[in-house]
Amino acid sequence: MPHEENKTKSSPKDVFLHILMIGALYVSTFMISSLWFDYINFWFPDKLNYNYRAILEGILVGTSTLIVIFPVYLLTSWLLEKEIKIDKEKREMLVRKWLIYLTLFVSAIAIIVEVVRLVYNFLSGELTMNFFLKIFVVLIVASVAFGYYLWDAKRKIGSVSKLPKYLAWTTGLVVFGSIALSFFLVGSPAHQRAVRFDDQRLADLQSIQGQVITYWQQKEALPPALPNLVDSVGWFVLPTDPDTRAQYEYVVKGPLAFELCATFGAKSVDTQATERTYAPAVPVPEKAAPAENWSHEEGRTCFERTIDPEIWKTNKPLPVIIQEKTPAPSVPAQ
């Protein structure tokens, strides 16, 4: 009997592998759910809460995490199953039982919370396809985890089953298929680098545009060239293309019209989906300016702008009114 008790004791290696496996499982489960949430937001956008840039960032974070964490889960699961095949008593280790039932508890809580959310949204009338699909994703992921580990907790010592192998292949196909889908939606790493360069180019052009308007407000004329915007005592530094370091193109089209051009590395998506918020280079006037279009194709693209004097008031100094002094009344001598 003492010999059998020693066989079920967990070694530091067993504890490490079990904790690493469960940790990788939790992170992978959360990230695959988050990734599919972003896919749902992409395909079925919520009109009240839609941020295209945040969706793309979420897809990139979820994809990069799964590429690293999910193989860790598969590897540790395989190593633990290999250890159990050698020593079947390890299936009854205390650390293994605790972590399995902890996983069952977390999965059950996730299912209950999502059902409560479903009922709440039903009663409040906020039922959309976006919401239903997210509920479906959470229920599927949590149910699979709960069902598998409940079955694993009830397995008898020495029992042989191909279910873990089949489940590993199925989840592997789902996870790596989801990762492949993310590359299809957000593009390759080279494409993402080009998009980030384009974001900087747009920010630079908006900064130049704001400085051109400031120049016009102060001098009531457009600058003849971009270097005229640089003031030896001012704060403005003329930006250049972040990749090629070439100067942006600027052409005066009329007394109030000008054109800014840049060469972009990728095509922008719909302006409603890619609404970007940049800090204004100049104070926003009381009368709001019309929305500007910054959509662009891949390659050289120009943006025509016309200053509206009614919106962008000039900074003329107010005229100084000199009032004549009224002579003080004379006081008769006593």
C-alpha atoms as a PDB file:
ATOM      1  CA  MET A   1       0.000   0.000   0.000  1.00  0.00           C
ATOM      2  CA  PRO A   2       2.728   2.589   0.751  1.00  0.00           C
ATOM      3  CA  HIS A   3       4.124   1.860  -2.686  1.00  0.00           C
ATOM      4  CA  GLU A   4       0.747   2.616  -4.299  1.00  0.00           C
ATOM      5  CA  GLU A   5       0.403   5.881  -2.318  1.00  0.00           C
ATOM      6  CA  ASN A   6       3.792   7.064  -3.609  1.00  0.00           C
ATOM      7  CA  LYS A   7       2.709   6.400  -7.156  1.00  0.00           C
ATOM      8  CA  THR A   8      -0.201   8.872  -6.897  1.00  0.00           C
ATOM      9  CA  LYS A   9       1.860  11.658  -5.377  1.00  0.00           C
ATOM     10  CA  SER A  10       2.473  14.594  -7.688  1.00  0.00           C
ATOM     11  CA  SER A  11       6.033  15.628  -8.454  1.00  0.00           C
ATOM     12  CA  PRO A  12       7.079  19.230  -9.162  1.00  0.00           C
ATOM     13  CA  LYS A  13       7.125  18.288 -12.845  1.00  0.00           C
ATOM     14  CA  ASP A  14       3.514  17.077 -12.666  1.00  0.00           C
ATOM     15  CA  VAL A  15       2.373  20.257 -10.914  1.00  0.00           C
ATOM     16  CA  PHE A  16       4.197  22.424 -13.437  1.00  0.00           C
ATOM     17  CA  LEU A  17       2.728  20.622 -16.463  1.00  0.00           C
ATOM     18  CA  HIS A  18      -0.821  20.620 -15.077  1.00  0.00           C
ATOM     19  CA  ILE A  19      -0.784  24.300 -14.126  1.00  0.00           C
ATOM     20  CA  LEU A  20       0.787  25.249 -17.463  1.00  0.00           C
ATOM     21  CA  MET A  21      -1.776  23.152 -19.329  1.00  0.00           C
ATOM     22  CA  ILE A  22      -4.761  24.642 -17.504  1.00  0.00           C
ATOM     23  CA  GLY A  23      -3.372  28.180 -17.833  1.00  0.00           C
ATOM     24  CA  ALA A  24      -2.857  27.695 -21.571  1.00  0.00           C
ATOM     25  CA  LEU A  25      -6.379  26.251 -21.813  1.00  0.00           C
ATOM     26  CA  TYR A  26      -7.938  29.283 -20.118  1.00  0.00           C
ATOM     27  CA  VAL A  27      -6.009  31.775 -22.250  1.00  0.00           C
ATOM     28  CA  SER A  28      -6.723  29.853 -25.466  1.00  0.00           C
ATOM     29  CA  THR A  29     -10.427  29.585 -24.623  1.00  0.00           C
ATOM     30  CA  PHE A  30     -10.683  33.284 -23.869  1.00  0.00           C
ATOM     31  CA  MET A  31      -8.755  34.287 -26.989  1.00  0.00           C
ATOM     32  CA  ILE A  32     -10.668  32.057 -29.398  1.00  0.00           C
ATOM     33  CA  SER A  33     -13.921  33.519 -28.028  1.00  0.00           C
ATOM     34  CA  SER A  34     -12.539  37.066 -28.272  1.00  0.00           C
ATOM     35  CA  LEU A  35     -11.318  36.418 -31.818  1.00  0.00           C
ATOM     36  CA  TRP A  36     -14.741  35.244 -32.927  1.00  0.00           C
ATOM     37  CA  PHE A  37     -16.329  38.206 -31.168  1.00  0.00           C
ATOM     38  CA  ASP A  38     -14.211  40.445 -33.403  1.00  0.00           C
ATOM     39  CA  TYR A  39     -15.198  38.432 -36.476  1.00  0.00           C
ATOM     40  CA  ILE A  40     -18.869  38.889 -35.532  1.00  0.00           C
ATOM     41  CA  ASN A  41     -18.313  42.629 -35.015  1.00  0.00           C
ATOM     42  CA  PHE A  42     -16.670  42.731 -38.446  1.00  0.00           C
ATOM     43  CA  TRP A  43     -19.457  40.879 -40.294  1.00  0.00           C
ATOM     44  CA  PHE A  44     -22.422  42.041 -38.198  1.00  0.00           C
ATOM     45  CA  PRO A  45     -21.434  45.497 -36.915  1.00  0.00           C
ATOM     46  CA  ASP A  46     -23.270  47.038 -34.011  1.00  0.00           C
ATOM     47  CA  LYS A  47     -24.508  50.441 -35.187  1.00  0.00           C
ATOM     48  CA  LEU A  48     -24.309  51.837 -31.656  1.00  0.00           C
ATOM     49  CA  ASN A  49     -20.770  50.671 -30.954  1.00  0.00           C
ATOM     50  CA  TYR A  50     -18.558  50.155 -33.985  1.00  0.00           C
ATOM     51  CA  ASN A  51     -14.842  50.879 -34.145  1.00  0.00           C
ATOM     52  CA  TYR A  52     -13.163  49.308 -37.143  1.00  0.00           C
ATOM     53  CA  ARG A  53      -9.640  50.045 -35.929  1.00  0.00           C
ATOM     54  CA  ALA A  54     -10.348  48.423 -32.552  1.00  0.00           C
ATOM     55  CA  ILE A  55     -11.736  45.341 -34.317  1.00  0.00           C
ATOM     56  CA  LEU A  56      -8.575  44.932 -36.383  1.00  0.00           C
ATOM     57  CA  GLU A  57      -6.383  45.391 -33.304  1.00  0.00           C
ATOM     58  CA  GLY A  58      -8.446  42.784 -31.451  1.00  0.00           C
ATOM     59  CA  ILE A  59      -8.038  40.307 -34.310  1.00  0.00           C
ATOM     60  CA  LEU A  60      -4.276  40.859 -34.344  1.00  0.00           C
ATOM     61  CA  VAL A  61      -3.989  40.415 -30.561  1.00  0.00           C
ATOM     62  CA  GLY A  62      -6.128  37.266 -30.555  1.00  0.00           C
ATOM     63  CA  THR A  63      -4.278  35.749 -33.500  1.00  0.00           C
ATOM     64  CA  SER A  64      -0.795  36.391 -32.115  1.00  0.00           C
ATOM     65  CA  THR A  65      -1.795  35.007 -28.706  1.00  0.00           C
ATOM     66  CA  LEU A  66      -3.304  31.824 -30.131  1.00  0.00           C
ATOM     67  CA  ILE A  67      -0.289  31.197 -32.370  1.00  0.00           C
ATOM     68  CA  VAL A  68       1.851  30.957 -29.222  1.00  0.00           C
ATOM     69  CA  ILE A  69      -0.491  29.711 -26.467  1.00  0.00           C
ATOM     70  CA  PHE A  70      -2.558  27.030 -28.205  1.00  0.00           C
ATOM     71  CA  PRO A  71       0.463  24.912 -29.232  1.00  0.00           C
ATOM     72  CA  VAL A  72       1.587  25.143 -25.584  1.00  0.00           C
ATOM     73  CA  TYR A  73      -1.766  23.672 -24.531  1.00  0.00           C
ATOM     74  CA  LEU A  74      -1.530  20.882 -27.104  1.00  0.00           C
ATOM     75  CA  LEU A  75       2.058  20.067 -26.113  1.00  0.00           C
ATOM     76  CA  THR A  76       1.407  19.975 -22.366  1.00  0.00           C
ATOM     77  CA  SER A  77      -1.775  17.908 -22.867  1.00  0.00           C
ATOM     78  CA  TRP A  78       0.158  15.419 -24.981  1.00  0.00           C
ATOM     79  CA  LEU A  79       2.963  15.186 -22.403  1.00  0.00           C
ATOM     80  CA  LEU A  80       0.474  14.592 -19.580  1.00  0.00           C
ATOM     81  CA  GLU A  81      -1.372  11.894 -21.533  1.00  0.00           C
ATOM     82  CA  LYS A  82       1.966  10.273 -22.272  1.00  0.00           C
ATOM     83  CA  GLU A  83       2.825  10.272 -18.545  1.00  0.00           C
ATOM     84  CA  ILE A  84      -0.574   8.776 -17.692  1.00  0.00           C
ATOM     85  CA  LYS A  85      -0.110   5.965 -20.229  1.00  0.00           C
ATOM     86  CA  ILE A  86       3.150   5.070 -18.504  1.00  0.00           C
ATOM     87  CA  ASP A  87       1.755   5.422 -14.977  1.00  0.00           C
ATOM     88  CA  LYS A  88      -2.046   5.097 -14.996  1.00  0.00           C
ATOM     89  CA  GLU A  89      -2.273   6.031 -11.298  1.00  0.00           C
ATOM     90  CA  LYS A  90      -1.330   9.624 -12.204  1.00  0.00           C
ATOM     91  CA  ARG A  91      -4.873  10.141 -13.437  1.00  0.00           C
ATOM     92  CA  GLU A  92      -5.924  10.276  -9.772  1.00  0.00           C
ATOM     93  CA  MET A  93      -3.385  12.886  -8.701  1.00  0.00           C
ATOM     94  CA  LEU A  94      -4.837  15.510  -6.404  1.00  0.00           C
ATOM     95  CA  VAL A  95      -3.515  18.460  -8.428  1.00  0.00           C
ATOM     96  CA  ARG A  96      -5.120  17.023 -11.553  1.00  0.00           C
ATOM     97  CA  LYS A  97      -8.484  16.571  -9.852  1.00  0.00           C
ATOM     98  CA  TRP A  98      -8.445  20.087  -8.391  1.00  0.00           C
ATOM     99  CA  LEU A  99      -7.640  21.716 -11.719  1.00  0.00           C
ATOM    100  CA  ILE A 100     -10.238  19.667 -13.610  1.00  0.00           C
ATOM    101  CA  TYR A 101     -13.011  20.601 -11.206  1.00  0.00           C
ATOM    102  CA  LEU A 102     -11.848  24.219 -11.234  1.00  0.00           C
ATOM    103  CA  THR A 103     -12.252  24.155 -15.013  1.00  0.00           C
ATOM    104  CA  LEU A 104     -15.723  22.647 -14.645  1.00  0.00           C
ATOM    105  CA  PHE A 105     -16.626  25.425 -12.218  1.00  0.00           C
ATOM    106  CA  VAL A 106     -15.374  28.194 -14.538  1.00  0.00           C
ATOM    107  CA  SER A 107     -17.171  26.662 -17.539  1.00  0.00           C
ATOM    108  CA  ALA A 108     -20.426  26.336 -15.617  1.00  0.00           C
ATOM    109  CA  ILE A 109     -20.210  29.955 -14.446  1.00  0.00           C
ATOM    110  CA  ALA A 110     -19.585  31.122 -18.029  1.00  0.00           C
ATOM    111  CA  ILE A 111     -22.645  29.232 -19.274  1.00  0.00           C
ATOM    112  CA  ILE A 112     -24.858  30.587 -16.475  1.00  0.00           C
ATOM    113  CA  VAL A 113     -23.676  34.170 -17.040  1.00  0.00           C
ATOM    114  CA  GLU A 114     -24.374  33.994 -20.762  1.00  0.00           C
ATOM    115  CA  VAL A 115     -27.862  32.586 -20.178  1.00  0.00           C
ATOM    116  CA  VAL A 116     -28.541  35.443 -17.732  1.00  0.00           C
ATOM    117  CA  ARG A 117     -27.324  37.942 -20.359  1.00  0.00           C
ATOM    118  CA  LEU A 118     -29.604  36.347 -22.933  1.00  0.00           C
ATOM    119  CA  VAL A 119     -32.636  36.683 -20.664  1.00  0.00           C
ATOM    120  CA  TYR A 120     -31.715  40.257 -19.719  1.00  0.00           C
ATOM    121  CA  ASN A 121     -31.312  41.368 -23.331  1.00  0.00           C
ATOM    122  CA  PHE A 122     -34.553  39.622 -24.245  1.00  0.00           C
ATOM    123  CA  LEU A 123     -36.438  41.519 -21.542  1.00  0.00           C
ATOM    124  CA  SER A 124     -34.808  44.840 -22.468  1.00  0.00           C
ATOM    125  CA  GLY A 125     -35.512  44.361 -26.172  1.00  0.00           C
ATOM    126  CA  GLU A 126     -31.847  44.541 -27.247  1.00  0.00           C
ATOM    127  CA  LEU A 127     -31.748  41.410 -29.379  1.00  0.00           C
ATOM    128  CA  THR A 128     -29.516  41.591 -32.457  1.00  0.00           C
ATOM    129  CA  MET A 129     -27.755  39.085 -34.659  1.00  0.00           C
ATOM    130  CA  ASN A 130     -24.461  40.361 -33.236  1.00  0.00           C
ATOM    131  CA  PHE A 131     -25.591  39.520 -29.696  1.00  0.00           C
ATOM    132  CA  PHE A 132     -27.038  36.100 -30.546  1.00  0.00           C
ATOM    133  CA  LEU A 133     -23.877  34.998 -32.350  1.00  0.00           C
ATOM    134  CA  LYS A 134     -21.663  36.037 -29.432  1.00  0.00           C
ATOM    135  CA  ILE A 135     -23.882  34.125 -27.009  1.00  0.00           C
ATOM    136  CA  PHE A 136     -23.655  31.115 -29.319  1.00  0.00           C
ATOM    137  CA  VAL A 137     -19.852  31.290 -29.402  1.00  0.00           C
ATOM    138  CA  VAL A 138     -19.536  31.443 -25.616  1.00  0.00           C
ATOM    139  CA  LEU A 139     -22.010  28.621 -25.081  1.00  0.00           C
ATOM    140  CA  ILE A 140     -20.253  26.390 -27.608  1.00  0.00           C
ATOM    141  CA  VAL A 141     -16.767  27.012 -26.190  1.00  0.00           C
ATOM    142  CA  ALA A 142     -17.837  26.687 -22.554  1.00  0.00           C
ATOM    143  CA  SER A 143     -19.989  23.608 -23.240  1.00  0.00           C
ATOM    144  CA  VAL A 144     -17.177  21.804 -25.054  1.00  0.00           C
ATOM    145  CA  ALA A 145     -14.748  22.516 -22.215  1.00  0.00           C
ATOM    146  CA  PHE A 146     -17.299  21.536 -19.562  1.00  0.00           C
ATOM    147  CA  GLY A 147     -18.389  18.366 -21.346  1.00  0.00           C
ATOM    148  CA  TYR A 148     -14.874  17.130 -22.068  1.00  0.00           C
ATOM    149  CA  TYR A 149     -13.462  17.692 -18.583  1.00  0.00           C
ATOM    150  CA  LEU A 150     -16.575  16.250 -16.946  1.00  0.00           C
ATOM    151  CA  TRP A 151     -16.031  13.120 -19.043  1.00  0.00           C
ATOM    152  CA  ASP A 152     -12.321  13.148 -18.171  1.00  0.00           C
ATOM    153  CA  ALA A 153     -13.070  13.468 -14.439  1.00  0.00           C
ATOM    154  CA  LYS A 154     -15.265  10.338 -14.601  1.00  0.00           C
ATOM    155  CA  ARG A 155     -12.787   8.235 -16.580  1.00  0.00           C
ATOM    156  CA  LYS A 156     -11.692   5.103 -14.836  1.00  0.00           C
ATOM    157  CA  ILE A 157      -8.058   4.267 -14.295  1.00  0.00           C
ATOM    158  CA  GLY A 158      -6.698   2.324 -17.239  1.00  0.00           C
ATOM    159  CA  SER A 159      -9.544   3.222 -19.615  1.00  0.00           C
ATOM    160  CA  VAL A 160      -8.548   3.832 -23.217  1.00  0.00           C
ATOM    161  CA  SER A 161     -10.416   6.238 -25.499  1.00  0.00           C
ATOM    162  CA  LYS A 162      -9.755   8.021 -28.770  1.00  0.00           C
ATOM    163  CA  LEU A 163     -11.918  10.983 -27.758  1.00  0.00           C
ATOM    164  CA  PRO A 164      -8.965  13.167 -26.618  1.00  0.00           C
ATOM    165  CA  LYS A 165      -7.244  12.575 -29.952  1.00  0.00           C
ATOM    166  CA  TYR A 166     -10.372  13.385 -31.959  1.00  0.00           C
ATOM    167  CA  LEU A 167     -11.068  16.469 -29.860  1.00  0.00           C
ATOM    168  CA  ALA A 168      -7.479  17.660 -30.265  1.00  0.00           C
ATOM    169  CA  TRP A 169      -7.725  17.371 -34.038  1.00  0.00           C
ATOM    170  CA  THR A 170     -11.114  19.128 -34.107  1.00  0.00           C
ATOM    171  CA  THR A 171     -10.087  22.020 -31.871  1.00  0.00           C
ATOM    172  CA  GLY A 172      -6.808  22.307 -33.753  1.00  0.00           C
ATOM    173  CA  LEU A 173      -8.655  22.673 -37.045  1.00  0.00           C
ATOM    174  CA  VAL A 174     -10.993  25.285 -35.539  1.00  0.00           C
ATOM    175  CA  VAL A 175      -8.195  27.310 -33.951  1.00  0.00           C
ATOM    176  CA  PHE A 176      -5.790  27.245 -36.884  1.00  0.00           C
ATOM    177  CA  GLY A 177      -8.683  27.839 -39.277  1.00  0.00           C
ATOM    178  CA  SER A 178      -9.592  30.923 -37.239  1.00  0.00           C
ATOM    179  CA  ILE A 179      -5.983  32.087 -37.401  1.00  0.00           C
ATOM    180  CA  ALA A 180      -5.965  31.655 -41.185  1.00  0.00           C
ATOM    181  CA  LEU A 181      -9.211  33.625 -41.385  1.00  0.00           C
ATOM    182  CA  SER A 182      -7.606  36.519 -39.512  1.00  0.00           C
ATOM    183  CA  PHE A 183      -4.862  36.775 -42.158  1.00  0.00           C
ATOM    184  CA  PHE A 184      -7.586  36.874 -44.811  1.00  0.00           C
ATOM    185  CA  LEU A 185      -9.390  39.742 -43.048  1.00  0.00           C
ATOM    186  CA  VAL A 186      -6.517  41.935 -41.858  1.00  0.00           C
ATOM    187  CA  GLY A 187      -3.905  41.000 -44.452  1.00  0.00           C
ATOM    188  CA  SER A 188      -0.308  39.879 -44.223  1.00  0.00           C
ATOM    189  CA  PRO A 189       2.286  41.442 -41.887  1.00  0.00           C
ATOM    190  CA  ALA A 190       3.644  43.389 -44.884  1.00  0.00           C
ATOM    191  CA  HIS A 191       0.172  44.772 -45.558  1.00  0.00           C
ATOM    192  CA  GLN A 192      -0.238  45.783 -41.911  1.00  0.00           C
ATOM    193  CA  ARG A 193       3.096  47.592 -42.027  1.00  0.00           C
ATOM    194  CA  ALA A 194       1.945  49.476 -45.118  1.00  0.00           C
ATOM    195  CA  VAL A 195      -1.319  50.398 -43.349  1.00  0.00           C
ATOM    196  CA  ARG A 196       0.581  51.790 -40.365  1.00  0.00           C
ATOM    197  CA  PHE A 197       2.758  53.876 -42.685  1.00  0.00           C
ATOM    198  CA  ASP A 198      -0.434  55.163 -44.342  1.00  0.00           C
ATOM    199  CA  ASP A 199      -1.897  56.094 -40.966  1.00  0.00           C
ATOM    200  CA  GLN A 200       1.166  58.211 -40.273  1.00  0.00           C
ATOM    201  CA  ARG A 201       0.944  59.802 -43.724  1.00  0.00           C
ATOM    202  CA  LEU A 202      -2.682  60.801 -43.092  1.00  0.00           C
ATOM    203  CA  ALA A 203      -1.753  62.247 -39.704  1.00  0.00           C
ATOM    204  CA  ASP A 204       1.071  64.225 -41.353  1.00  0.00           C
ATOM    205  CA  LEU A 205      -1.220  65.571 -44.079  1.00  0.00           C
ATOM    206  CA  GLN A 206      -3.807  66.630 -41.517  1.00  0.00           C
ATOM    207  CA  SER A 207      -1.100  68.373 -39.516  1.00  0.00           C
ATOM    208  CA  ILE A 208       0.106  70.210 -42.650  1.00  0.00           C
ATOM    209  CA  GLN A 209      -3.462  71.125 -43.563  1.00  0.00           C
ATOM    210  CA  GLY A 210      -4.019  72.614 -40.118  1.00  0.00           C
ATOM    211  CA  GLN A 211      -0.822  74.634 -40.402  1.00  0.00           C
ATOM    212  CA  VAL A 212      -1.817  75.904 -43.861  1.00  0.00           C
ATOM    213  CA  ILE A 213      -5.123  77.125 -42.422  1.00  0.00           C
ATOM    214  CA  THR A 214      -3.306  78.826 -39.554  1.00  0.00           C
ATOM    215  CA  TYR A 215      -0.951  80.508 -42.058  1.00  0.00           C
ATOM    216  CA  TRP A 216      -3.932  81.760 -44.077  1.00  0.00           C
ATOM    217  CA  GLN A 217      -5.686  83.034 -40.956  1.00  0.00           C
ATOM    218  CA  GLN A 218      -2.642  85.060 -39.997  1.00  0.00           C
ATOM    219  CA  LYS A 219      -1.632  86.396 -43.425  1.00  0.00           C
ATOM    220  CA  GLU A 220      -4.834  86.099 -45.497  1.00  0.00           C
ATOM    221  CA  ALA A 221      -2.914  84.223 -48.179  1.00  0.00           C
ATOM    222  CA  LEU A 222      -1.928  80.617 -48.766  1.00  0.00           C
ATOM    223  CA  PRO A 223       1.740  79.727 -48.322  1.00  0.00           C
ATOM    224  CA  PRO A 224       3.501  79.474 -51.703  1.00  0.00           C
ATOM    225  CA  ALA A 225       5.363  76.325 -50.615  1.00  0.00           C
ATOM    226  CA  LEU A 226       5.544  73.982 -47.618  1.00  0.00           C
ATOM    227  CA  PRO A 227       8.851  75.368 -46.280  1.00  0.00           C
ATOM    228  CA  ASN A 228       7.060  78.694 -45.732  1.00  0.00           C
ATOM    229  CA  LEU A 229       5.119  77.010 -42.929  1.00  0.00           C
ATOM    230  CA  VAL A 230       8.266  76.597 -40.857  1.00  0.00           C
ATOM    231  CA  ASP A 231       8.881  79.479 -38.504  1.00  0.00           C
ATOM    232  CA  SER A 232      12.272  79.875 -36.872  1.00  0.00           C
ATOM    233  CA  VAL A 233      10.599  80.692 -33.575  1.00  0.00           C
ATOM    234  CA  GLY A 234       7.576  78.423 -34.004  1.00  0.00           C
ATOM    235  CA  TRP A 235       6.857  74.876 -32.902  1.00  0.00           C
ATOM    236  CA  PHE A 236       5.919  73.374 -36.259  1.00  0.00           C
ATOM    237  CA  VAL A 237       8.305  70.840 -37.818  1.00  0.00           C
ATOM    238  CA  LEU A 238       7.533  70.006 -41.434  1.00  0.00           C
ATOM    239  CA  PRO A 239       6.844  66.239 -41.601  1.00  0.00           C
ATOM    240  CA  THR A 240       8.101  63.992 -44.366  1.00  0.00           C
ATOM    241  CA  ASP A 241       7.033  60.566 -45.619  1.00  0.00           C
ATOM    242  CA  PRO A 242       7.733  58.072 -42.785  1.00  0.00           C
ATOM    243  CA  ASP A 243       9.062  55.440 -45.196  1.00  0.00           C
ATOM    244  CA  THR A 244      10.860  57.283 -48.009  1.00  0.00           C
ATOM    245  CA  ARG A 245      11.510  60.562 -46.108  1.00  0.00           C
ATOM    246  CA  ALA A 246      10.378  62.445 -49.227  1.00  0.00           C
ATOM    247  CA  GLN A 247       8.548  65.751 -48.817  1.00  0.00           C
ATOM    248  CA  TYR A 248       4.805  65.707 -49.276  1.00  0.00           C
ATOM    249  CA  GLU A 249       3.387  67.443 -52.326  1.00  0.00           C
ATOM    250  CA  TYR A 250       1.616  70.776 -51.931  1.00  0.00           C
ATOM    251  CA  VAL A 251       0.095  72.773 -54.798  1.00  0.00           C
ATOM    252  CA  VAL A 252      -1.786  76.079 -54.604  1.00  0.00           C
ATOM    253  CA  LYS A 253      -4.921  75.889 -56.769  1.00  0.00           C
ATOM    254  CA  GLY A 254      -6.391  79.308 -56.093  1.00  0.00           C
ATOM    255  CA  PRO A 255      -6.682  82.082 -53.510  1.00  0.00           C
ATOM    256  CA  LEU A 256      -8.466  79.688 -51.140  1.00  0.00           C
ATOM    257  CA  ALA A 257      -7.802  76.268 -52.699  1.00  0.00           C
ATOM    258  CA  PHE A 258      -4.820  73.966 -52.307  1.00  0.00           C
ATOM    259  CA  GLU A 259      -3.929  70.319 -52.807  1.00  0.00           C
ATOM    260  CA  LEU A 260      -1.981  67.853 -50.661  1.00  0.00           C
ATOM    261  CA  CYS A 261      -0.588  64.644 -52.150  1.00  0.00           C
ATOM    262  CA  ALA A 262       1.136  61.531 -50.819  1.00  0.00           C
ATOM    263  CA  THR A 263       2.020  58.051 -52.054  1.00  0.00           C
ATOM    264  CA  PHE A 264       0.215  55.358 -50.059  1.00  0.00           C
ATOM    265  CA  GLY A 265       1.173  51.721 -49.655  1.00  0.00           C
ATOM    266  CA  ALA A 266      -2.353  50.262 -49.460  1.00  0.00           C
ATOM    267  CA  LYS A 267      -5.934  51.089 -50.326  1.00  0.00           C
ATOM    268  CA  SER A 268      -8.075  52.493 -47.533  1.00  0.00           C
ATOM    269  CA  VAL A 269     -11.367  50.858 -46.657  1.00  0.00           C
ATOM    270  CA  ASP A 270     -14.736  52.579 -46.443  1.00  0.00           C
ATOM    271  CA  THR A 271     -14.541  55.854 -44.547  1.00  0.00           C
ATOM    272  CA  GLN A 272     -17.423  54.937 -42.258  1.00  0.00           C
ATOM    273  CA  ALA A 273     -15.629  51.771 -41.187  1.00  0.00           C
ATOM    274  CA  THR A 274     -12.247  53.404 -40.766  1.00  0.00           C
ATOM    275  CA  GLU A 275     -13.211  56.550 -38.952  1.00  0.00           C
ATOM    276  CA  ARG A 276     -10.032  57.828 -37.372  1.00  0.00           C
ATOM    277  CA  THR A 277      -9.765  60.470 -34.714  1.00  0.00           C
ATOM    278  CA  TYR A 278      -6.769  62.733 -34.830  1.00  0.00           C
ATOM    279  CA  ALA A 279      -6.075  65.659 -32.566  1.00  0.00           C
ATOM    280  CA  PRO A 280      -6.867  68.850 -34.521  1.00  0.00           C
ATOM    281  CA  ALA A 281      -3.807  70.841 -35.534  1.00  0.00           C
ATOM    282  CA  VAL A 282      -5.745  74.095 -35.075  1.00  0.00           C
ATOM    283  CA  PRO A 283      -8.616  75.041 -32.775  1.00  0.00           C
ATOM    284  CA  VAL A 284     -12.023  73.962 -34.045  1.00  0.00           C
ATOM    285  CA  PRO A 285     -14.133  76.996 -34.944  1.00  0.00           C
ATOM    286  CA  GLU A 286     -17.569  77.646 -33.532  1.00  0.00           C
ATOM    287  CA  LYS A 287     -19.168  76.855 -36.866  1.00  0.00           C
ATOM    288  CA  ALA A 288     -18.252  73.245 -37.554  1.00  0.00           C
ATOM    289  CA  ALA A 289     -16.433  72.508 -40.800  1.00  0.00           C
ATOM    290  CA  PRO A 290     -17.876  69.893 -43.166  1.00  0.00           C
ATOM    291  CA  ALA A 291     -16.554  66.350 -42.908  1.00  0.00           C
ATOM    292  CA  GLU A 292     -13.407  65.750 -44.943  1.00  0.00           C
ATOM    293  CA  ASN A 293     -12.730  62.700 -47.015  1.00  0.00           C
ATOM    294  CA  TRP A 294      -9.367  61.025 -46.483  1.00  0.00           C
ATOM    295  CA  SER A 295     -10.057  57.868 -48.479  1.00  0.00           C
ATOM    296  CA  HIS A 296      -7.202  56.893 -50.752  1.00  0.00           C
ATOM    297  CA  GLU A 297      -6.101  54.302 -53.281  1.00  0.00           C
ATOM    298  CA  GLU A 298      -2.803  52.494 -53.293  1.00  0.00           C
ATOM    299  CA  GLY A 299      -0.187  54.767 -54.841  1.00  0.00           C
ATOM    300  CA  ARG A 300      -0.239  58.528 -55.326  1.00  0.00           C
ATOM    301  CA  THR A 301      -3.415  60.205 -54.057  1.00  0.00           C
ATOM    302  CA  CYS A 302      -4.220  63.915 -53.807  1.00  0.00           C
ATOM    303  CA  PHE A 303      -6.672  65.657 -51.494  1.00  0.00           C
ATOM    304  CA  GLU A 304      -8.199  68.928 -52.659  1.00  0.00           C
ATOM    305  CA  ARG A 305      -9.131  71.430 -49.970  1.00  0.00           C
ATOM    306  CA  THR A 306     -10.834  74.817 -50.123  1.00  0.00           C
ATOM    307  CA  ILE A 307     -10.844  77.199 -47.167  1.00  0.00           C
ATOM    308  CA  ASP A 308     -14.234  78.638 -46.300  1.00  0.00           C
ATOM    309  CA  PRO A 309     -13.705  82.157 -44.901  1.00  0.00           C
ATOM    310  CA  GLU A 310     -17.042  81.953 -43.088  1.00  0.00           C
ATOM    311  CA  ILE A 311     -15.797  78.966 -41.103  1.00  0.00           C
ATOM    312  CA  TRP A 312     -12.131  79.799 -40.639  1.00  0.00           C
ATOM    313  CA  LYS A 313     -12.161  83.386 -39.542  1.00  0.00           C
ATOM    314  CA  THR A 314      -8.954  85.362 -40.006  1.00  0.00           C
ATOM    315  CA  ASN A 315      -7.043  86.454 -36.949  1.00  0.00           C
ATOM    316  CA  LYS A 316      -7.202  90.162 -37.711  1.00  0.00           C
ATOM    317  CA  PRO A 317      -6.527  92.349 -34.712  1.00  0.00           C
ATOM    318  CA  LEU A 318      -9.492  94.386 -33.591  1.00  0.00           C
ATOM    319  CA  PRO A 319      -9.239  98.072 -34.473  1.00  0.00           C
ATOM    320  CA  VAL A 320      -8.122 100.269 -31.606  1.00  0.00           C
ATOM    321  CA  ILE A 321     -10.656 103.014 -30.940  1.00  0.00           C
ATOM    322  CA  ILE A 322      -9.079 106.117 -29.456  1.00  0.00           C
ATOM    323  CA  GLN A 323     -11.531 108.165 -27.522  1.00  0.00           C
ATOM    324  CA  GLU A 324     -10.954 111.853 -26.981  1.00  0.00           C
ATOM    325  CA  LYS A 325     -10.528 112.783 -23.380  1.00  0.00           C
ATOM    326  CA  THR A 326     -13.235 115.010 -22.033  1.00  0.00           C
ATOM    327  CA  PRO A 327     -11.707 117.960 -20.190  1.00  0.00           C
ATOM    328  CA  ALA A 328     -12.453 118.054 -16.535  1.00  0.00           C
ATOM    329  CA  PRO A 329     -14.905 120.799 -15.503  1.00  0.00           C
ATOM    330  CA  SER A 330     -13.216 123.893 -14.203  1.00  0.00           C
ATOM    331  CA  VAL A 331     -13.683 124.741 -10.584  1.00  0.00           C
ATOM    332  CA  PRO A 332     -14.294 128.468  -9.923  1.00  0.00           C
ATOM    333  CA  ALA A 333     -11.725 130.053  -7.690  1.00  0.00           C
ATOM    334  CA  GLN A 334     -12.834 130.787  -4.196  1.00  0.00           C
END
